[in-house]
Amino acid sequence: MTLSIIARCEETGRFGYAVASCVLAVGTRICGARAGVGAVAVQDGGWLHWRDALLDLLDRGLTAAEATAMLALAEDAPASQIAAVGAGGPASAVTGPSSTPVTSHLVRGAASAQANTMAVTGVPETLLEAFAAADGPLEHRLVAALLAADILGDHGPDVRGRQSAAVRVVPAERGRVPTGDADDPHVDLRVDDSAHPTQDLARLLDVHRAHRHLIAAGTAQDDVERLALVRRAAETTPGERVVAPLLAFRTALAGDADAARELLREAARSNPATWQWGARTAERAAAAGDPGAEVLARLVAEHDDGTPTAP
């Protein structure tokens, strides 16, 4: 039914999970995470409300082993896979004897991987090995684990193929809520229906990182820093429908008409609303007294009337 990995980052204390399956919108099912508490997975025959039950047990001070052992006493637990990791100690997992074959799990330190309906054996091992070998923030290591498992078998690790995938990471601090700021430790991304959900999820994670650069650009101290952050976003996701126009606008506002002209054309290929957006941006910049507003307005007008103008 699904493969998942849950983990606590030993460096930052953040908790997270990544999951993929051949069901619609697996990100709304199976796994859960709570800031300052832990991450859990309940799959195969498990019930959705078991996720909150596991997190509540961790929140009350039980270890991951104690929490999974308690839930394993439930009536439907023999047909389920249960995993948890808390704020301290190792992760824990239980695979019931009646789980859907081929099924297994593996725990290594503060991470646990579990899979069922496997097309091949060794999926949990592949997940954990890729997770341990990957670099970067927790969310990138979790998605790297899914990508590594994705090449197992003729059609991926699930005997039925793949349809959806998700990754979520929450802070180490109890009760912390998402802010949307550039340094927000929350990550919550889902691909609900796709022929290549894990690859799409990896792309979304890059877009997420690029948009964090854009958020930081919005609070930059000066235009030089702002343009540098937008360029960093563009390097992360070239041609992305929001990043590409913003790079063109910022370049025009910096006074580089030649570079901005080509960037605007490229951006319009991925986002046809670029010209309308650019006109509004030029109006706002002019109202704010930005000297680069005239450059951007002229480039937009150049497109509108189809007549090239001198830079």
Protein backbone atom coordinates (compact mmCIF):
# COMPACT_ATOMS: atom_id res chain seq x y z
CA MET A 1 0.00 0.00 0.00
CA THR A 2 2.76 2.49 0.83
CA LEU A 3 6.38 3.15 1.71
CA SER A 4 7.40 5.78 4.22
CA ILE A 5 10.31 7.09 6.22
CA ILE A 6 10.09 9.07 9.47
CA ALA A 7 13.04 10.70 11.20
CA ARG A 8 14.34 13.15 13.77
CA CYS A 9 17.26 15.29 12.63
CA GLU A 10 20.02 14.75 15.17
CA GLU A 11 21.54 18.18 14.40
CA THR A 12 18.46 20.41 14.48
CA GLY A 13 15.94 18.28 16.38
CA ARG A 14 13.35 18.75 13.62
CA PHE A 15 10.95 15.92 12.81
CA GLY A 16 9.74 14.83 9.41
CA TYR A 17 8.43 12.18 7.10
CA ALA A 18 8.26 11.33 3.43
CA VAL A 19 5.75 8.92 1.97
CA ALA A 20 4.77 7.56 -1.45
CA SER A 21 2.09 5.17 -2.61
CA CYS A 22 -0.28 4.11 -5.37
CA VAL A 23 -3.27 5.79 -3.74
CA LEU A 24 -4.72 9.25 -4.24
CA ALA A 25 -3.35 12.00 -1.99
CA VAL A 26 -1.27 9.83 0.33
CA GLY A 27 -0.03 13.04 1.99
CA THR A 28 -3.41 13.41 3.68
CA ARG A 29 -3.12 9.91 5.13
CA ILE A 30 -0.57 7.56 6.70
CA CYS A 31 1.93 9.93 8.36
CA GLY A 32 1.80 12.71 10.93
CA ALA A 33 4.21 15.12 12.65
CA ARG A 34 3.91 17.58 15.52
CA ALA A 35 6.36 20.35 16.40
CA GLY A 36 8.41 19.50 19.46
CA VAL A 37 6.83 16.04 19.72
CA GLY A 38 7.73 13.68 16.89
CA ALA A 39 6.74 12.00 13.64
CA VAL A 40 4.66 8.87 13.08
CA ALA A 41 3.46 6.53 10.36
CA VAL A 42 0.39 4.28 10.42
CA GLN A 43 -0.17 2.26 7.27
CA ASP A 44 -1.62 -0.88 5.73
CA GLY A 45 -4.59 -1.76 7.96
CA GLY A 46 -4.13 1.12 10.41
CA TRP A 47 -6.72 3.82 11.07
CA LEU A 48 -6.20 7.53 10.42
CA HIS A 49 -6.93 8.53 14.01
CA TRP A 50 -4.06 6.33 15.18
CA ARG A 51 -1.66 9.05 13.98
CA ASP A 52 -2.97 11.51 16.55
CA ALA A 53 -3.08 8.76 19.16
CA LEU A 54 0.61 8.02 18.64
CA LEU A 55 1.55 11.71 18.71
CA ASP A 56 -0.52 12.21 21.87
CA LEU A 57 1.33 9.34 23.55
CA LEU A 58 4.68 10.88 22.58
CA ASP A 59 3.45 14.27 23.80
CA ARG A 60 2.67 12.75 27.19
CA GLY A 61 6.27 11.61 27.59
CA LEU A 62 6.18 8.01 26.34
CA THR A 63 9.13 6.81 24.31
CA ALA A 64 8.63 5.76 20.70
CA ALA A 65 8.94 2.11 21.76
CA GLU A 66 6.34 2.52 24.48
CA ALA A 67 3.94 4.37 22.17
CA THR A 68 4.13 1.81 19.36
CA ALA A 69 3.85 -1.08 21.83
CA MET A 70 0.69 0.43 23.29
CA LEU A 71 -0.91 0.98 19.90
CA ALA A 72 0.09 -2.54 18.85
CA LEU A 73 -2.46 -3.80 21.39
CA ALA A 74 -5.34 -2.39 19.28
CA GLU A 75 -7.69 -4.85 17.62
CA ASP A 76 -6.61 -4.11 14.03
CA ALA A 77 -2.89 -3.76 14.78
CA PRO A 78 -1.92 -7.25 13.52
CA ALA A 79 -2.84 -6.09 9.99
CA SER A 80 -0.98 -2.79 10.31
CA GLN A 81 2.42 -1.13 10.26
CA ILE A 82 3.11 1.41 13.01
CA ALA A 83 6.18 3.62 13.45
CA ALA A 84 7.13 6.56 15.66
CA VAL A 85 10.07 8.75 16.61
CA GLY A 86 10.01 11.18 19.51
CA ALA A 87 12.09 14.01 20.90
CA GLY A 88 14.64 11.61 22.37
CA GLY A 89 15.84 8.06 21.95
CA PRO A 90 15.58 5.78 18.93
CA ALA A 91 12.65 5.37 16.59
CA SER A 92 10.41 2.31 16.89
CA ALA A 93 8.27 0.34 14.45
CA VAL A 94 5.93 -2.65 14.48
CA THR A 95 4.81 -4.70 11.49
CA GLY A 96 1.81 -6.85 12.29
CA PRO A 97 1.84 -10.54 11.30
CA SER A 98 -1.23 -10.05 9.06
CA SER A 99 0.13 -7.05 7.14
CA THR A 100 -0.20 -7.04 3.36
CA PRO A 101 2.72 -8.95 1.82
CA VAL A 102 5.47 -8.29 0.90
CA THR A 103 5.97 -6.18 4.06
CA SER A 104 8.86 -5.12 6.28
CA HIS A 105 10.34 -2.28 8.32
CA LEU A 106 13.78 -1.25 9.55
CA VAL A 107 14.85 1.10 12.35
CA ARG A 108 18.24 2.78 12.54
CA GLY A 109 18.73 5.31 15.29
CA ALA A 110 16.24 8.15 15.04
CA ALA A 111 14.83 6.99 11.69
CA SER A 112 12.44 4.24 10.65
CA ALA A 113 11.44 3.05 7.18
CA GLN A 114 8.49 0.79 6.43
CA ALA A 115 6.89 -0.62 3.28
CA ASN A 116 4.21 -3.04 2.19
CA THR A 117 2.88 -4.40 -1.11
CA MET A 118 6.50 -4.29 -2.23
CA ALA A 119 7.45 -5.31 -5.76
CA VAL A 120 10.92 -6.20 -4.45
CA THR A 121 12.43 -6.80 -1.03
CA GLY A 122 14.86 -4.42 0.65
CA VAL A 123 12.84 -1.20 0.28
CA PRO A 124 13.30 -0.09 3.94
CA GLU A 125 17.03 -0.74 3.67
CA THR A 126 17.24 1.38 0.51
CA LEU A 127 15.28 4.21 2.12
CA LEU A 128 17.51 4.37 5.19
CA GLU A 129 20.78 4.01 3.28
CA ALA A 130 19.85 6.86 0.93
CA PHE A 131 18.68 8.99 3.85
CA ALA A 132 21.97 8.50 5.68
CA ALA A 133 24.04 9.23 2.56
CA ALA A 134 22.19 12.40 1.54
CA ASP A 135 23.28 15.93 2.43
CA GLY A 136 21.31 19.04 3.26
CA PRO A 137 18.24 19.81 5.36
CA LEU A 138 16.01 17.04 6.68
CA GLU A 139 13.40 17.49 3.95
CA HIS A 140 15.96 16.99 1.20
CA ARG A 141 17.30 13.83 2.81
CA LEU A 142 13.79 12.42 3.19
CA VAL A 143 12.96 13.03 -0.46
CA ALA A 144 16.34 11.61 -1.49
CA ALA A 145 15.29 8.41 0.25
CA LEU A 146 12.07 8.23 -1.80
CA LEU A 147 13.97 8.85 -5.02
CA ALA A 148 16.41 6.04 -4.23
CA ALA A 149 13.57 3.59 -3.65
CA ASP A 150 11.81 4.79 -6.78
CA ILE A 151 14.18 2.91 -9.10
CA LEU A 152 13.63 -0.45 -7.43
CA GLY A 153 11.62 -2.97 -9.44
CA ASP A 154 10.35 -2.61 -13.01
CA HIS A 155 7.71 -0.02 -12.06
CA GLY A 156 8.99 1.24 -8.72
CA PRO A 157 8.89 -0.27 -5.23
CA ASP A 158 5.08 -0.60 -5.05
CA VAL A 159 3.72 -3.62 -6.94
CA ARG A 160 0.88 -1.42 -8.25
CA GLY A 161 3.05 1.50 -9.39
CA ARG A 162 2.91 5.01 -7.94
CA GLN A 163 0.37 7.82 -7.74
CA SER A 164 1.13 10.26 -4.93
CA ALA A 165 3.88 11.39 -2.57
CA ALA A 166 4.44 13.89 0.24
CA VAL A 167 7.07 15.34 2.56
CA ARG A 168 6.55 17.23 5.80
CA VAL A 169 9.01 18.64 8.34
CA VAL A 170 8.14 20.42 11.61
CA PRO A 171 10.33 22.30 14.11
CA ALA A 172 12.00 20.92 17.21
CA GLU A 173 10.24 23.57 19.33
CA ARG A 174 6.97 22.48 20.88
CA GLY A 175 3.97 24.49 19.76
CA ARG A 176 5.74 26.43 17.03
CA VAL A 177 3.40 27.41 14.20
CA PRO A 178 4.14 28.16 10.53
CA THR A 179 4.94 31.78 9.75
CA GLY A 180 5.70 31.77 6.04
CA ASP A 181 9.00 33.56 6.65
CA ALA A 182 12.09 32.69 4.66
CA ASP A 183 13.61 30.88 7.64
CA ASP A 184 10.41 29.03 8.58
CA PRO A 185 11.39 25.45 9.55
CA HIS A 186 8.02 24.06 8.44
CA VAL A 187 7.84 22.20 5.11
CA ASP A 188 4.59 20.67 3.86
CA LEU A 189 4.46 19.57 0.20
CA ARG A 190 2.28 17.04 -1.57
CA VAL A 191 1.79 15.53 -5.03
CA ASP A 192 -1.70 14.07 -5.00
CA ASP A 193 -1.98 12.46 -8.46
CA SER A 194 0.91 11.93 -10.85
CA ALA A 195 2.59 9.25 -12.95
CA HIS A 196 5.90 10.34 -11.39
CA PRO A 197 5.01 11.60 -7.91
CA THR A 198 8.42 11.34 -6.25
CA GLN A 199 10.18 13.19 -9.07
CA ASP A 200 7.46 15.85 -8.98
CA LEU A 201 7.89 16.10 -5.21
CA ALA A 202 11.64 16.65 -5.63
CA ARG A 203 10.90 19.45 -8.11
CA LEU A 204 8.41 21.01 -5.68
CA LEU A 205 11.06 20.94 -2.98
CA ASP A 206 13.37 22.97 -5.24
CA VAL A 207 10.54 25.41 -5.95
CA HIS A 208 9.91 25.65 -2.22
CA ARG A 209 13.56 26.55 -1.64
CA ALA A 210 13.48 29.11 -4.45
CA HIS A 211 10.38 30.76 -3.04
CA ARG A 212 12.06 31.01 0.37
CA HIS A 213 14.74 33.08 -1.40
CA LEU A 214 11.98 35.27 -2.85
CA ILE A 215 10.48 35.78 0.60
CA ALA A 216 13.91 36.80 1.89
CA ALA A 217 14.24 39.21 -1.04
CA GLY A 218 11.07 40.93 0.09
CA THR A 219 12.75 41.91 3.35
CA ALA A 220 16.20 42.67 1.90
CA GLN A 221 17.98 45.81 3.10
CA ASP A 222 18.80 47.19 -0.34
CA ASP A 223 18.29 46.58 -4.07
CA VAL A 224 21.65 44.84 -4.48
CA GLU A 225 20.82 42.22 -1.87
CA ARG A 226 17.28 41.91 -3.23
CA LEU A 227 18.48 41.20 -6.78
CA ALA A 228 21.07 38.72 -5.51
CA LEU A 229 18.39 36.73 -3.66
CA VAL A 230 16.10 36.68 -6.69
CA ARG A 231 19.01 35.48 -8.84
CA ARG A 232 19.65 32.72 -6.30
CA ALA A 233 16.02 31.67 -6.60
CA ALA A 234 16.32 31.59 -10.39
CA GLU A 235 19.43 29.43 -10.20
CA THR A 236 17.52 26.96 -8.03
CA THR A 237 14.54 26.68 -10.42
CA PRO A 238 15.32 28.10 -13.87
CA GLY A 239 12.20 29.16 -15.75
CA GLU A 240 9.81 28.72 -12.82
CA ARG A 241 6.57 30.64 -13.49
CA VAL A 242 6.91 33.00 -10.51
CA VAL A 243 10.68 33.23 -10.15
CA ALA A 244 11.44 33.97 -13.82
CA PRO A 245 9.23 37.09 -14.09
CA LEU A 246 10.48 38.44 -10.78
CA LEU A 247 14.08 38.07 -11.94
CA ALA A 248 13.22 40.02 -15.09
CA PHE A 249 11.46 42.77 -13.11
CA ARG A 250 14.28 43.15 -10.60
CA THR A 251 16.84 43.26 -13.42
CA ALA A 252 14.87 46.00 -15.17
CA LEU A 253 14.45 47.97 -11.96
CA ALA A 254 18.23 47.73 -11.52
CA GLY A 255 18.53 49.56 -14.86
CA ASP A 256 19.85 46.72 -17.05
CA ALA A 257 17.41 47.01 -19.94
CA ASP A 258 19.25 44.68 -22.34
CA ALA A 259 19.39 41.78 -19.90
CA ALA A 260 15.86 42.44 -18.65
CA ARG A 261 14.42 42.46 -22.20
CA GLU A 262 15.56 38.90 -22.84
CA LEU A 263 14.61 37.76 -19.34
CA LEU A 264 11.09 39.12 -19.86
CA ARG A 265 10.72 37.19 -23.10
CA GLU A 266 11.93 34.01 -21.46
CA ALA A 267 9.64 34.51 -18.48
CA ALA A 268 6.63 35.07 -20.73
CA ARG A 269 7.17 31.65 -22.29
CA SER A 270 6.56 29.98 -18.93
CA ASN A 271 4.07 32.56 -17.63
CA PRO A 272 2.04 34.49 -20.25
CA ALA A 273 0.85 36.88 -17.53
CA THR A 274 4.39 38.29 -17.28
CA TRP A 275 3.61 41.43 -19.31
CA GLN A 276 0.48 42.34 -17.36
CA TRP A 277 2.30 41.63 -14.11
CA GLY A 278 5.26 43.70 -15.29
CA ALA A 279 3.04 46.68 -16.06
CA ARG A 280 1.55 46.60 -12.57
CA THR A 281 5.02 46.23 -11.05
CA ALA A 282 6.27 49.25 -13.01
CA GLU A 283 3.29 51.30 -11.80
CA ARG A 284 3.95 50.42 -8.17
CA ALA A 285 7.67 51.11 -8.56
CA ALA A 286 6.96 54.51 -10.11
CA ALA A 287 4.59 55.39 -7.27
CA ALA A 288 7.34 54.46 -4.82
CA GLY A 289 9.83 56.71 -6.64
CA ASP A 290 11.99 53.83 -7.93
CA PRO A 291 14.23 55.24 -10.71
CA GLY A 292 14.21 51.86 -12.46
CA ALA A 293 10.45 51.97 -12.96
CA GLU A 294 10.84 53.84 -16.25
CA VAL A 295 13.04 51.06 -17.65
CA LEU A 296 10.54 48.33 -16.78
CA ALA A 297 7.60 50.38 -18.08
CA ARG A 298 9.41 51.01 -21.38
CA LEU A 299 10.16 47.31 -21.86
CA VAL A 300 6.54 46.38 -21.22
CA ALA A 301 5.36 49.06 -23.66
CA GLU A 302 7.87 47.75 -26.20
CA HIS A 303 6.15 44.38 -26.04
CA ASP A 304 2.65 45.87 -26.17
CA ASP A 305 3.16 47.87 -29.37
CA GLY A 306 5.60 45.39 -30.93
CA THR A 307 8.08 48.15 -31.75
CA PRO A 308 11.62 47.77 -30.35
CA THR A 309 12.89 50.86 -28.58
CA ALA A 310 16.41 51.92 -27.77
CA PRO A 311 17.60 50.75 -24.35
